[in-house]
Protein backbone atom coordinates (compact mmCIF):
# COMPACT_ATOMS: atom_id res chain seq x y z
CA MET A 1 -11.95 -32.49 29.76
CA ALA A 2 -9.06 -29.80 30.37
CA ARG A 3 -6.53 -32.37 31.04
CA GLY A 4 -7.32 -34.40 27.85
CA LYS A 5 -7.20 -31.29 25.72
CA THR A 6 -3.72 -30.26 27.59
CA ARG A 7 -2.45 -33.85 26.82
CA LEU A 8 -3.40 -33.57 23.07
CA VAL A 9 -1.59 -30.21 22.70
CA LEU A 10 1.60 -31.68 24.32
CA ILE A 11 1.33 -34.76 21.88
CA GLY A 12 0.89 -32.45 18.92
CA MET A 13 3.96 -30.40 20.05
CA MET A 14 6.12 -33.50 20.57
CA ALA A 15 5.19 -34.72 17.00
CA ALA A 16 6.03 -31.46 15.52
CA LEU A 17 9.48 -31.47 17.44
CA ALA A 18 10.17 -34.81 16.32
CA ILE A 19 9.56 -33.86 12.76
CA THR A 20 12.05 -31.05 13.09
CA ALA A 21 14.55 -32.77 15.25
CA GLY A 22 16.70 -33.74 12.32
CA CYS A 23 17.18 -30.03 11.43
CA SER A 24 18.83 -28.94 14.61
CA GLY A 25 21.40 -31.53 14.91
CA LYS A 26 24.96 -31.06 14.12
CA GLY A 27 27.95 -33.42 12.94
CA GLY A 28 26.78 -37.04 12.82
CA ASN A 29 23.38 -36.05 13.45
CA ARG A 30 22.94 -34.38 10.03
CA ALA A 31 23.92 -37.79 8.34
CA LYS A 32 20.85 -39.28 9.78
CA GLU A 33 18.56 -36.65 8.82
CA ARG A 34 15.66 -37.95 6.77
CA PRO A 35 15.68 -37.03 3.01
CA LEU A 36 12.80 -34.58 2.10
CA GLU A 37 11.65 -36.97 -0.56
CA SER A 38 10.83 -39.40 2.23
CA TYR A 39 8.32 -37.21 3.64
CA SER A 40 4.58 -37.11 2.86
CA ALA A 41 3.17 -33.96 1.65
CA GLU A 42 1.45 -33.35 4.75
CA GLU A 43 4.67 -34.00 6.70
CA LEU A 44 6.56 -31.38 4.84
CA TYR A 45 3.71 -28.89 4.98
CA LYS A 46 3.45 -29.20 8.76
CA ARG A 47 7.34 -28.98 9.24
CA ALA A 48 7.11 -25.95 7.30
CA GLU A 49 4.34 -24.53 9.30
CA PHE A 50 6.13 -25.30 12.43
CA GLU A 51 9.25 -23.44 11.24
CA LEU A 52 7.03 -20.44 10.24
CA GLU A 53 5.46 -20.23 13.98
CA THR A 54 8.65 -20.72 15.84
CA LYS A 55 11.36 -18.95 14.00
CA ARG A 56 11.77 -15.20 13.76
CA LYS A 57 13.02 -15.67 10.02
CA ALA A 58 10.70 -17.53 7.61
CA THR A 59 13.85 -18.64 5.38
CA GLU A 60 13.41 -22.39 6.18
CA ALA A 61 9.68 -22.11 6.06
CA THR A 62 9.66 -20.83 2.49
CA LYS A 63 12.16 -23.56 1.23
CA LEU A 64 9.94 -26.23 2.78
CA PHE A 65 6.65 -24.77 1.41
CA GLY A 66 8.46 -24.73 -1.91
CA GLU A 67 9.52 -28.39 -1.43
CA VAL A 68 5.83 -29.29 -1.11
CA GLU A 69 5.10 -27.81 -4.23
CA ARG A 70 8.02 -29.43 -5.99
CA LEU A 71 7.58 -33.03 -4.80
CA TYR A 72 3.76 -33.00 -4.69
CA PRO A 73 2.74 -30.78 -7.60
CA TYR A 74 -1.13 -30.13 -8.17
CA SER A 75 -2.07 -31.66 -4.68
CA GLU A 76 -4.14 -30.06 -2.10
CA TRP A 77 -1.15 -29.57 -0.07
CA ALA A 78 0.77 -27.86 -2.94
CA LYS A 79 -1.83 -25.35 -3.17
CA ARG A 80 -1.84 -24.70 0.30
CA ALA A 81 1.96 -24.53 0.58
CA LEU A 82 2.07 -21.84 -2.27
CA ILE A 83 -0.20 -19.36 -0.51
CA MET A 84 1.77 -19.92 2.77
CA GLN A 85 5.03 -19.56 0.88
CA ALA A 86 3.70 -16.07 -0.42
CA PHE A 87 2.86 -15.21 3.29
CA ALA A 88 6.18 -16.21 4.54
CA PHE A 89 8.13 -14.35 1.98
CA HIS A 90 6.16 -11.36 2.79
CA LYS A 91 6.90 -11.78 6.60
CA ASP A 92 10.75 -11.72 5.82
CA LYS A 93 10.12 -8.69 3.64
CA LYS A 94 11.13 -10.60 0.35
CA TYR A 95 8.39 -8.71 -1.45
CA GLU A 96 9.42 -9.84 -4.97
CA GLU A 97 9.35 -13.18 -4.11
CA SER A 98 6.23 -12.86 -2.23
CA ARG A 99 4.51 -11.13 -5.33
CA ALA A 100 5.90 -14.12 -7.45
CA ALA A 101 4.35 -16.77 -5.44
CA ALA A 102 1.16 -14.99 -4.95
CA GLN A 103 0.79 -14.43 -8.55
CA ARG A 104 1.65 -18.30 -9.36
CA PHE A 105 -1.30 -18.96 -6.87
CA ILE A 106 -3.72 -16.74 -8.90
CA ASP A 107 -2.54 -17.92 -12.14
CA PHE A 108 -3.07 -21.87 -11.12
CA TYR A 109 -5.96 -21.41 -8.81
CA PRO A 110 -8.00 -18.33 -10.00
CA ALA A 111 -11.24 -19.70 -8.68
CA ASP A 112 -10.01 -20.77 -5.29
CA GLU A 113 -11.36 -19.02 -2.09
CA ASP A 114 -7.59 -18.03 -1.26
CA ALA A 115 -7.24 -16.17 -4.73
CA ALA A 116 -8.51 -13.05 -2.92
CA TYR A 117 -6.02 -13.28 -0.30
CA ALA A 118 -3.29 -13.97 -2.87
CA GLN A 119 -4.33 -10.80 -4.71
CA TYR A 120 -4.28 -8.88 -1.62
CA LEU A 121 -0.93 -10.20 -0.63
CA LEU A 122 0.54 -9.10 -3.95
CA ALA A 123 -0.99 -5.67 -3.43
CA ILE A 124 0.59 -4.99 0.07
CA SER A 125 3.85 -6.28 -1.16
CA TYR A 126 3.79 -3.05 -3.09
CA TYR A 127 2.12 -1.01 -0.48
CA ASP A 128 4.46 -2.00 2.23
CA GLN A 129 7.30 -0.36 0.28
CA ILE A 130 5.95 3.11 0.13
CA ASP A 131 6.06 4.24 3.63
CA ASP A 132 8.64 6.80 2.62
CA VAL A 133 7.31 9.48 0.47
CA GLY A 134 10.65 10.07 -0.96
CA ARG A 135 10.89 6.90 -2.51
CA ASP A 136 10.24 5.95 -6.16
CA GLN A 137 6.65 6.60 -6.79
CA GLY A 138 6.38 3.88 -9.45
CA LEU A 139 5.82 1.51 -6.46
CA THR A 140 2.84 3.78 -5.43
CA PHE A 141 1.25 3.45 -8.82
CA GLN A 142 1.68 -0.37 -8.72
CA ALA A 143 0.29 -0.71 -5.29
CA LEU A 144 -2.68 1.57 -6.48
CA GLN A 145 -3.36 -0.73 -9.33
CA ALA A 146 -3.13 -3.91 -7.39
CA LEU A 147 -5.31 -2.64 -4.57
CA ARG A 148 -7.98 -1.53 -7.17
CA THR A 149 -7.81 -5.12 -8.55
CA VAL A 150 -8.62 -6.39 -5.03
CA ILE A 151 -11.41 -3.92 -4.60
CA GLU A 152 -12.87 -4.74 -8.04
CA ARG A 153 -12.49 -8.48 -8.33
CA TYR A 154 -13.41 -9.22 -4.62
CA PRO A 155 -15.76 -6.53 -3.54
CA ASP A 156 -17.46 -8.46 -0.71
CA SER A 157 -14.44 -9.88 0.80
CA ASP A 158 -12.62 -8.47 4.12
CA TYR A 159 -9.56 -7.90 2.01
CA ALA A 160 -11.41 -5.43 -0.25
CA ARG A 161 -12.20 -3.29 2.84
CA SER A 162 -8.77 -3.27 3.82
CA ALA A 163 -7.54 -2.44 0.38
CA ILE A 164 -9.78 0.52 0.24
CA LEU A 165 -8.27 2.01 3.06
CA LYS A 166 -4.83 1.38 1.83
CA PHE A 167 -5.95 2.61 -1.68
CA ASP A 168 -6.69 6.14 -0.14
CA LEU A 169 -3.27 6.24 1.90
CA ALA A 170 -1.37 5.37 -1.23
CA PHE A 171 -3.21 7.96 -3.26
CA ASP A 172 -2.31 10.26 -0.45
CA HIS A 173 1.23 9.50 -0.84
CA LEU A 174 1.20 10.50 -4.52
CA ALA A 175 -0.04 13.87 -3.69
CA ALA A 176 2.40 14.39 -0.77
CA LYS A 177 5.27 13.78 -3.31
CA GLU A 178 3.69 16.63 -5.60
CA MET A 179 3.60 18.81 -2.42
CA GLU A 180 7.00 18.13 -1.36
CA ILE A 181 8.48 18.95 -4.71
CA GLY A 182 6.14 22.08 -5.06
CA ARG A 183 7.31 23.52 -1.74
CA TYR A 184 10.98 23.03 -2.71
CA TYR A 185 10.23 24.93 -5.77
CA LEU A 186 8.45 27.93 -3.89
CA LYS A 187 11.33 28.01 -1.51
CA LYS A 188 13.67 28.54 -4.29
CA GLY A 189 11.71 31.19 -5.99
CA HIS A 190 10.93 28.93 -9.00
CA PHE A 191 7.04 29.94 -8.92
CA THR A 192 6.00 28.59 -12.23
CA ALA A 193 7.43 25.07 -11.51
CA ALA A 194 5.79 25.27 -7.76
CA ILE A 195 2.34 26.24 -9.55
CA ASN A 196 2.60 23.36 -11.76
CA ARG A 197 2.98 20.81 -8.97
CA PHE A 198 0.15 22.50 -6.72
CA ARG A 199 -2.19 22.30 -9.60
CA VAL A 200 -1.73 18.58 -10.07
CA VAL A 201 -2.73 18.28 -6.35
CA VAL A 202 -5.97 20.44 -6.89
CA GLU A 203 -6.83 18.73 -10.13
CA GLN A 204 -6.01 15.09 -9.49
CA PHE A 205 -5.82 14.56 -5.86
CA GLN A 206 -8.85 16.61 -4.48
CA THR A 207 -10.04 13.90 -2.09
CA THR A 208 -6.50 13.93 -0.26
CA SER A 209 -5.63 15.72 2.76
CA HIS A 210 -3.21 18.14 0.84
CA THR A 211 -5.75 20.14 -1.12
CA ALA A 212 -6.10 22.95 1.31
CA GLU A 213 -2.53 23.62 1.62
CA ALA A 214 -1.92 23.19 -2.25
CA LEU A 215 -4.48 26.10 -2.63
CA HIS A 216 -2.86 28.31 -0.08
CA ARG A 217 0.73 27.68 -1.88
CA LEU A 218 -1.11 28.73 -5.05
CA VAL A 219 -2.16 31.88 -3.37
CA GLU A 220 1.35 32.56 -2.24
CA ALA A 221 3.01 31.68 -5.67
CA TYR A 222 0.41 33.88 -7.86
CA LEU A 223 0.84 36.87 -5.36
CA SER A 224 4.71 36.44 -5.97
CA LEU A 225 4.21 36.55 -9.80
CA GLY A 226 1.68 39.51 -9.47
CA LEU A 227 -1.07 37.29 -10.77
CA ASP A 228 -3.82 38.73 -8.56
CA GLU A 229 -6.83 37.20 -10.21
CA GLU A 230 -5.33 33.64 -9.86
CA ALA A 231 -4.57 34.26 -6.34
CA GLN A 232 -7.99 35.55 -5.32
CA THR A 233 -9.67 32.65 -7.17
CA ALA A 234 -7.51 30.05 -5.28
CA GLY A 235 -8.36 31.92 -1.94
CA ALA A 236 -12.21 31.91 -2.95
CA ILE A 237 -12.14 28.17 -3.67
CA LEU A 238 -10.11 27.73 -0.33
CA GLY A 239 -12.61 29.81 1.36
CA HIS A 240 -15.55 27.76 0.18
CA ASN A 241 -14.22 24.36 1.00
CA PHE A 242 -11.65 24.78 3.87
CA LYS A 243 -12.75 28.15 5.61
CA SER A 244 -12.11 26.89 9.20
CA THR A 245 -8.41 25.75 8.39
CA GLU A 246 -5.24 27.82 9.15
CA TRP A 247 -4.38 27.72 5.43
CA TYR A 248 -7.44 29.84 4.61
CA LYS A 249 -6.74 32.19 7.50
CA ASP A 250 -3.09 32.70 6.15
CA SER A 251 -4.42 33.06 2.61
CA TYR A 252 -6.89 35.79 3.72
CA ARG A 253 -4.34 37.62 5.60
CA LEU A 254 -1.94 37.44 2.47
CA LEU A 255 -4.68 38.62 0.26
CA THR A 256 -6.07 41.45 2.27
CA GLY A 257 -2.58 42.66 3.06
CA ARG A 258 -2.35 43.68 -0.41
CA GLY A 259 -5.84 45.20 -0.54
CA LEU A 260 -7.34 41.97 -2.26
CA GLU A 261 -10.07 39.64 -1.20
CA PRO A 262 -10.87 35.90 -1.98
CA LYS A 263 -12.97 36.09 -5.01
CA VAL A 264 -13.42 34.38 -8.08
CA ARG A 265 -11.96 36.51 -11.18
CA GLY A 266 -10.97 35.90 -14.70
CA LYS A 267 -11.16 32.89 -17.03
CA ASN A 268 -8.10 30.98 -15.54
CA TRP A 269 -8.00 27.33 -14.84
CA LEU A 270 -9.00 27.96 -11.08
CA ALA A 271 -12.21 29.76 -12.22
CA THR A 272 -13.06 26.66 -14.25
CA ILE A 273 -12.52 24.55 -11.30
CA TYR A 274 -14.59 26.66 -9.26
CA ARG A 275 -17.49 26.74 -11.81
CA GLN A 276 -17.24 22.82 -12.29
CA MET A 277 -16.75 21.73 -8.81
CA ILE A 278 -18.66 24.28 -6.64
CA LYS A 279 -21.19 25.68 -9.00
CA GLY A 280 -21.79 22.68 -10.86
CA GLU A 281 -21.34 24.37 -14.27
CA TRP A 282 -19.81 21.91 -16.45
CA LEU A 283 -20.56 23.44 -19.90
């Protein structure tokens, strides 16, 4: 049985090599290469698949998958080629082309079982461009929107589970950008501008990993401006939610060093957050 299986594998490899042999020839051999129009849809697809599996770059594969769609439109092979072309473009980090192919698949075959994967490819083509916090955050918003579509439209798919994880990370990227700018303003002594950035994190990105630091930076900024009530309230929220962190310990030292304590005071925006999020008083 093992020998028979091995022979079948070897025969399959030889057939694939025969299909692609014309591509590797030079000089006079190129003149003998079969025109693409003479290939069946299946032959073209398998040739493209072979290129994708054996070459580091997917350039030739994307062209051949495109030829399947061009020469045999609306066929089953054309449908398969389109989703594979989207994947091949993504492999080469040609994200715009990958999105375009994925979107065409969704438009043409919205009820197909691979539509979820096409939507996921579209989403991660944005997501894979946002690794650097300093990059254009417009990509992050687009990634979040596309990932949300995967989660809401295909909630029971494996892609939805992966999309949820990536959504949380992309959301964290937005908070990280706000923190980065806020720290810059704080270092330059532009305390009001810094407070505005840290406030965004506390109000809009409470579930991210940056909330504790944002509250501590608010304590720093408000103390620098002499706004003790706001600083104390930020410290109180920090102590309630993140008491075991170094951020709370640092804030506690700053406050007590000035004869203050973490305590909710006044009617500022932080006191409102404390009443709503911690005390549950929404009215």
